């Protein structure tokens, strides 16, 4: 199953904070399906030897990345975007050295990733074929939220499929 990330909201936090109903193994590439900016950022850092330590990090390269560009588009300052990039690289080096204690992400049974975008991208870059994720339940009071984000997920997958077909969507 393809997992699609959900933007932050009270509803997301409420659902993500519930006790998981199960832990399942999912393919890393499916978990990180919409984490391409994250994956490209990490692979570029590795290719350029930039993820070896703080002294090797290059602010100019990071601020020009698609990952930082997205952070800037969402209203972060340049300084805040750079700090987020540094934190992501630090998280990557920590996971590469020590692994992840516990599940790599929190998901719903219908393919929404509520937490774990950075860890999902890290799993892909580290070549992990599959990782463990926690599945959290819906309650009947989540109907409107669930309907909105399931629709969003379906549109994202459909739009991506159309973009990958030559001549489609033009």
C-alpha atoms as a PDB file:
ATOM      1  CA  UNK A   1       0.000   0.000   0.000  1.00  0.00           C
ATOM      2  CA  UNK A   2       1.192   3.526  -0.789  1.00  0.00           C
ATOM      3  CA  UNK A   3       1.252   5.886   2.187  1.00  0.00           C
ATOM      4  CA  UNK A   4       0.638   9.620   1.795  1.00  0.00           C
ATOM      5  CA  UNK A   5       1.620  12.182   4.404  1.00  0.00           C
ATOM      6  CA  UNK A   6      -0.954  14.388   6.094  1.00  0.00           C
ATOM      7  CA  UNK A   7      -0.276  18.006   7.043  1.00  0.00           C
ATOM      8  CA  UNK A   8      -0.263  18.979  10.689  1.00  0.00           C
ATOM      9  CA  UNK A   9      -3.587  19.631  12.367  1.00  0.00           C
ATOM     10  CA  UNK A  10      -5.346  18.991  15.655  1.00  0.00           C
ATOM     11  CA  UNK A  11      -7.186  16.075  14.077  1.00  0.00           C
ATOM     12  CA  UNK A  12      -3.949  14.498  12.903  1.00  0.00           C
ATOM     13  CA  UNK A  13      -2.347  14.924  16.333  1.00  0.00           C
ATOM     14  CA  UNK A  14      -5.404  13.440  18.050  1.00  0.00           C
ATOM     15  CA  UNK A  15      -5.403  10.349  15.849  1.00  0.00           C
ATOM     16  CA  UNK A  16      -1.599   9.900  15.750  1.00  0.00           C
ATOM     17  CA  UNK A  17      -1.454   9.998  19.556  1.00  0.00           C
ATOM     18  CA  UNK A  18      -3.748   7.009  20.018  1.00  0.00           C
ATOM     19  CA  UNK A  19      -2.574   3.646  21.222  1.00  0.00           C
ATOM     20  CA  UNK A  20      -1.617   1.581  18.138  1.00  0.00           C
ATOM     21  CA  UNK A  21      -3.789  -1.396  17.288  1.00  0.00           C
ATOM     22  CA  UNK A  22      -0.928  -3.234  15.590  1.00  0.00           C
ATOM     23  CA  UNK A  23       2.590  -3.000  14.235  1.00  0.00           C
ATOM     24  CA  UNK A  24       3.102  -4.031  10.625  1.00  0.00           C
ATOM     25  CA  UNK A  25       5.982  -4.228   8.199  1.00  0.00           C
ATOM     26  CA  UNK A  26       5.730  -1.999   5.124  1.00  0.00           C
ATOM     27  CA  UNK A  27       7.982  -1.450   2.152  1.00  0.00           C
ATOM     28  CA  UNK A  28      10.135   1.635   2.735  1.00  0.00           C
ATOM     29  CA  UNK A  29       9.508   2.954  -0.773  1.00  0.00           C
ATOM     30  CA  UNK A  30       5.752   2.752  -0.188  1.00  0.00           C
ATOM     31  CA  UNK A  31       6.015   4.486   3.181  1.00  0.00           C
ATOM     32  CA  UNK A  32       8.149   7.262   1.656  1.00  0.00           C
ATOM     33  CA  UNK A  33       6.164   7.474  -1.593  1.00  0.00           C
ATOM     34  CA  UNK A  34       5.642  11.239  -1.310  1.00  0.00           C
ATOM     35  CA  UNK A  35       8.932  12.051   0.457  1.00  0.00           C
ATOM     36  CA  UNK A  36      10.984  12.713  -2.675  1.00  0.00           C
ATOM     37  CA  UNK A  37      12.320  16.099  -1.489  1.00  0.00           C
ATOM     38  CA  UNK A  38      13.527  14.419   1.697  1.00  0.00           C
ATOM     39  CA  UNK A  39      15.123  11.507  -0.168  1.00  0.00           C
ATOM     40  CA  UNK A  40      16.840  13.740  -2.726  1.00  0.00           C
ATOM     41  CA  UNK A  41      18.155  15.989   0.044  1.00  0.00           C
ATOM     42  CA  UNK A  42      19.743  13.054   1.879  1.00  0.00           C
ATOM     43  CA  UNK A  43      21.136  11.402  -1.251  1.00  0.00           C
ATOM     44  CA  UNK A  44      22.674  14.679  -2.387  1.00  0.00           C
ATOM     45  CA  UNK A  45      24.183  15.167   1.061  1.00  0.00           C
ATOM     46  CA  UNK A  46      25.713  11.696   0.899  1.00  0.00           C
ATOM     47  CA  UNK A  47      26.923  12.103  -2.685  1.00  0.00           C
ATOM     48  CA  UNK A  48      28.661  15.341  -1.746  1.00  0.00           C
ATOM     49  CA  UNK A  49      30.060  14.035   1.521  1.00  0.00           C
ATOM     50  CA  UNK A  50      27.995  16.599   3.398  1.00  0.00           C
ATOM     51  CA  UNK A  51      26.394  14.282   5.941  1.00  0.00           C
ATOM     52  CA  UNK A  52      29.608  13.344   7.761  1.00  0.00           C
ATOM     53  CA  UNK A  53      29.446  15.950  10.474  1.00  0.00           C
ATOM     54  CA  UNK A  54      28.605  19.527  11.273  1.00  0.00           C
ATOM     55  CA  UNK A  55      31.865  20.858   9.825  1.00  0.00           C
ATOM     56  CA  UNK A  56      30.988  19.379   6.442  1.00  0.00           C
ATOM     57  CA  UNK A  57      27.566  20.969   6.088  1.00  0.00           C
ATOM     58  CA  UNK A  58      27.255  23.662   3.479  1.00  0.00           C
ATOM     59  CA  UNK A  59      24.546  26.272   4.093  1.00  0.00           C
ATOM     60  CA  UNK A  60      24.552  27.448   0.465  1.00  0.00           C
ATOM     61  CA  UNK A  61      23.885  23.940  -0.831  1.00  0.00           C
ATOM     62  CA  UNK A  62      21.202  23.268   1.751  1.00  0.00           C
ATOM     63  CA  UNK A  63      19.234  26.472   1.177  1.00  0.00           C
ATOM     64  CA  UNK A  64      19.169  25.747  -2.582  1.00  0.00           C
ATOM     65  CA  UNK A  65      17.709  22.261  -2.061  1.00  0.00           C
ATOM     66  CA  UNK A  66      14.097  21.449  -2.901  1.00  0.00           C
ATOM     67  CA  UNK A  67      13.649  20.433   0.740  1.00  0.00           C
ATOM     68  CA  UNK A  68      14.646  23.913   1.981  1.00  0.00           C
ATOM     69  CA  UNK A  69      12.645  25.485  -0.846  1.00  0.00           C
ATOM     70  CA  UNK A  70       9.521  23.764   0.413  1.00  0.00           C
ATOM     71  CA  UNK A  71      10.247  24.934   3.963  1.00  0.00           C
ATOM     72  CA  UNK A  72      10.611  28.503   2.690  1.00  0.00           C
ATOM     73  CA  UNK A  73       7.352  28.229   0.717  1.00  0.00           C
ATOM     74  CA  UNK A  74       5.524  27.178   3.868  1.00  0.00           C
ATOM     75  CA  UNK A  75       6.531  30.414   5.596  1.00  0.00           C
ATOM     76  CA  UNK A  76       9.768  29.576   7.368  1.00  0.00           C
ATOM     77  CA  UNK A  77      12.587  32.090   7.424  1.00  0.00           C
ATOM     78  CA  UNK A  78      15.877  31.232   5.718  1.00  0.00           C
ATOM     79  CA  UNK A  79      17.488  30.748   9.141  1.00  0.00           C
ATOM     80  CA  UNK A  80      14.661  28.466  10.262  1.00  0.00           C
ATOM     81  CA  UNK A  81      14.868  26.438   7.027  1.00  0.00           C
ATOM     82  CA  UNK A  82      18.632  26.006   7.444  1.00  0.00           C
ATOM     83  CA  UNK A  83      18.162  24.905  11.048  1.00  0.00           C
ATOM     84  CA  UNK A  84      15.559  22.361   9.920  1.00  0.00           C
ATOM     85  CA  UNK A  85      17.985  21.067   7.254  1.00  0.00           C
ATOM     86  CA  UNK A  86      20.737  20.719   9.864  1.00  0.00           C
ATOM     87  CA  UNK A  87      18.374  18.904  12.235  1.00  0.00           C
ATOM     88  CA  UNK A  88      17.343  16.517   9.444  1.00  0.00           C
ATOM     89  CA  UNK A  89      20.979  15.720   8.620  1.00  0.00           C
ATOM     90  CA  UNK A  90      21.723  15.261  12.309  1.00  0.00           C
ATOM     91  CA  UNK A  91      18.740  12.911  12.621  1.00  0.00           C
ATOM     92  CA  UNK A  92      19.962  10.994   9.563  1.00  0.00           C
ATOM     93  CA  UNK A  93      23.485  10.549  10.958  1.00  0.00           C
ATOM     94  CA  UNK A  94      22.043   9.439  14.307  1.00  0.00           C
ATOM     95  CA  UNK A  95      19.717   6.868  12.713  1.00  0.00           C
ATOM     96  CA  UNK A  96      22.501   5.642  10.435  1.00  0.00           C
ATOM     97  CA  UNK A  97      24.756   5.114  13.460  1.00  0.00           C
ATOM     98  CA  UNK A  98      22.229   3.818  16.002  1.00  0.00           C
ATOM     99  CA  UNK A  99      19.061   2.764  14.186  1.00  0.00           C
ATOM    100  CA  UNK A 100      15.511   3.577  15.251  1.00  0.00           C
ATOM    101  CA  UNK A 101      14.105   2.425  18.565  1.00  0.00           C
ATOM    102  CA  UNK A 102      10.521   1.501  17.907  1.00  0.00           C
ATOM    103  CA  UNK A 103       8.354   1.979  14.831  1.00  0.00           C
ATOM    104  CA  UNK A 104       9.600   4.067  11.908  1.00  0.00           C
ATOM    105  CA  UNK A 105       6.229   5.787  11.408  1.00  0.00           C
ATOM    106  CA  UNK A 106       2.627   6.059  12.512  1.00  0.00           C
ATOM    107  CA  UNK A 107       0.027   5.257   9.852  1.00  0.00           C
ATOM    108  CA  UNK A 108      -3.651   4.529   9.400  1.00  0.00           C
ATOM    109  CA  UNK A 109      -5.105   1.347   7.959  1.00  0.00           C
ATOM    110  CA  UNK A 110      -6.109   3.206   4.778  1.00  0.00           C
ATOM    111  CA  UNK A 111      -2.716   4.588   3.783  1.00  0.00           C
ATOM    112  CA  UNK A 112      -2.237   7.882   5.602  1.00  0.00           C
ATOM    113  CA  UNK A 113       1.169   8.574   7.159  1.00  0.00           C
ATOM    114  CA  UNK A 114       0.601  10.650  10.288  1.00  0.00           C
ATOM    115  CA  UNK A 115       4.189  10.734  11.518  1.00  0.00           C
ATOM    116  CA  UNK A 116       7.536   9.577  10.199  1.00  0.00           C
ATOM    117  CA  UNK A 117       8.211  11.323   6.879  1.00  0.00           C
ATOM    118  CA  UNK A 118      11.839  11.984   7.777  1.00  0.00           C
ATOM    119  CA  UNK A 119      12.373   8.437   9.076  1.00  0.00           C
ATOM    120  CA  UNK A 120      10.671   7.007   5.980  1.00  0.00           C
ATOM    121  CA  UNK A 121      13.083   8.904   3.728  1.00  0.00           C
ATOM    122  CA  UNK A 122      16.009   7.796   5.874  1.00  0.00           C
ATOM    123  CA  UNK A 123      14.895   4.154   5.535  1.00  0.00           C
ATOM    124  CA  UNK A 124      14.883   4.475   1.735  1.00  0.00           C
ATOM    125  CA  UNK A 125      18.303   6.149   1.625  1.00  0.00           C
ATOM    126  CA  UNK A 126      19.753   3.518   3.958  1.00  0.00           C
ATOM    127  CA  UNK A 127      18.426   0.805   1.634  1.00  0.00           C
ATOM    128  CA  UNK A 128      16.023  -0.790   4.094  1.00  0.00           C
ATOM    129  CA  UNK A 129      13.573  -2.903   2.081  1.00  0.00           C
ATOM    130  CA  UNK A 130      10.913  -2.749   4.816  1.00  0.00           C
ATOM    131  CA  UNK A 131      10.361  -1.145   8.213  1.00  0.00           C
ATOM    132  CA  UNK A 132       7.965  -1.561  11.121  1.00  0.00           C
ATOM    133  CA  UNK A 133       5.175   1.010  11.516  1.00  0.00           C
ATOM    134  CA  UNK A 134       2.421   1.523  14.089  1.00  0.00           C
ATOM    135  CA  UNK A 135      -1.162   1.471  12.865  1.00  0.00           C
ATOM    136  CA  UNK A 136      -3.538   3.668  14.867  1.00  0.00           C
ATOM    137  CA  UNK A 137      -7.329   3.291  14.888  1.00  0.00           C
ATOM    138  CA  UNK A 138     -10.047   5.628  13.762  1.00  0.00           C
ATOM    139  CA  UNK A 139     -13.057   6.405  15.914  1.00  0.00           C
ATOM    140  CA  UNK A 140     -16.530   7.113  14.563  1.00  0.00           C
ATOM    141  CA  UNK A 141     -15.961  10.796  15.431  1.00  0.00           C
ATOM    142  CA  UNK A 142     -13.095  10.904  12.890  1.00  0.00           C
ATOM    143  CA  UNK A 143     -15.418  10.441   9.905  1.00  0.00           C
ATOM    144  CA  UNK A 144     -15.137  13.959   8.409  1.00  0.00           C
ATOM    145  CA  UNK A 145     -11.369  14.142   8.912  1.00  0.00           C
ATOM    146  CA  UNK A 146     -10.889  10.643   7.493  1.00  0.00           C
ATOM    147  CA  UNK A 147     -13.063  11.384   4.462  1.00  0.00           C
ATOM    148  CA  UNK A 148     -11.140  14.605   3.678  1.00  0.00           C
ATOM    149  CA  UNK A 149      -7.691  12.994   3.868  1.00  0.00           C
ATOM    150  CA  UNK A 150      -8.654   9.752   2.081  1.00  0.00           C
ATOM    151  CA  UNK A 151      -9.886  11.940  -0.778  1.00  0.00           C
ATOM    152  CA  UNK A 152      -6.605  13.906  -0.677  1.00  0.00           C
ATOM    153  CA  UNK A 153      -4.619  10.632  -0.781  1.00  0.00           C
ATOM    154  CA  UNK A 154      -6.575   9.336  -3.774  1.00  0.00           C
ATOM    155  CA  UNK A 155      -6.051  12.602  -5.656  1.00  0.00           C
ATOM    156  CA  UNK A 156      -2.300  12.631  -4.917  1.00  0.00           C
ATOM    157  CA  UNK A 157      -1.891   9.084  -6.193  1.00  0.00           C
ATOM    158  CA  UNK A 158      -4.049   9.751  -9.266  1.00  0.00           C
ATOM    159  CA  UNK A 159      -2.241  13.005 -10.076  1.00  0.00           C
ATOM    160  CA  UNK A 160       1.156  11.359  -9.746  1.00  0.00           C
ATOM    161  CA  UNK A 161       0.044   8.492 -11.992  1.00  0.00           C
ATOM    162  CA  UNK A 162      -1.157  10.976 -14.615  1.00  0.00           C
ATOM    163  CA  UNK A 163       2.139  12.865 -14.479  1.00  0.00           C
ATOM    164  CA  UNK A 164       4.113   9.674 -15.032  1.00  0.00           C
ATOM    165  CA  UNK A 165       2.191   8.717 -18.193  1.00  0.00           C
ATOM    166  CA  UNK A 166       3.642  10.374 -21.336  1.00  0.00           C
ATOM    167  CA  UNK A 167       1.129  12.824 -22.796  1.00  0.00           C
ATOM    168  CA  UNK A 168      -1.306  12.542 -19.875  1.00  0.00           C
ATOM    169  CA  UNK A 169      -2.553  15.671 -18.220  1.00  0.00           C
ATOM    170  CA  UNK A 170      -1.233  17.970 -20.944  1.00  0.00           C
END
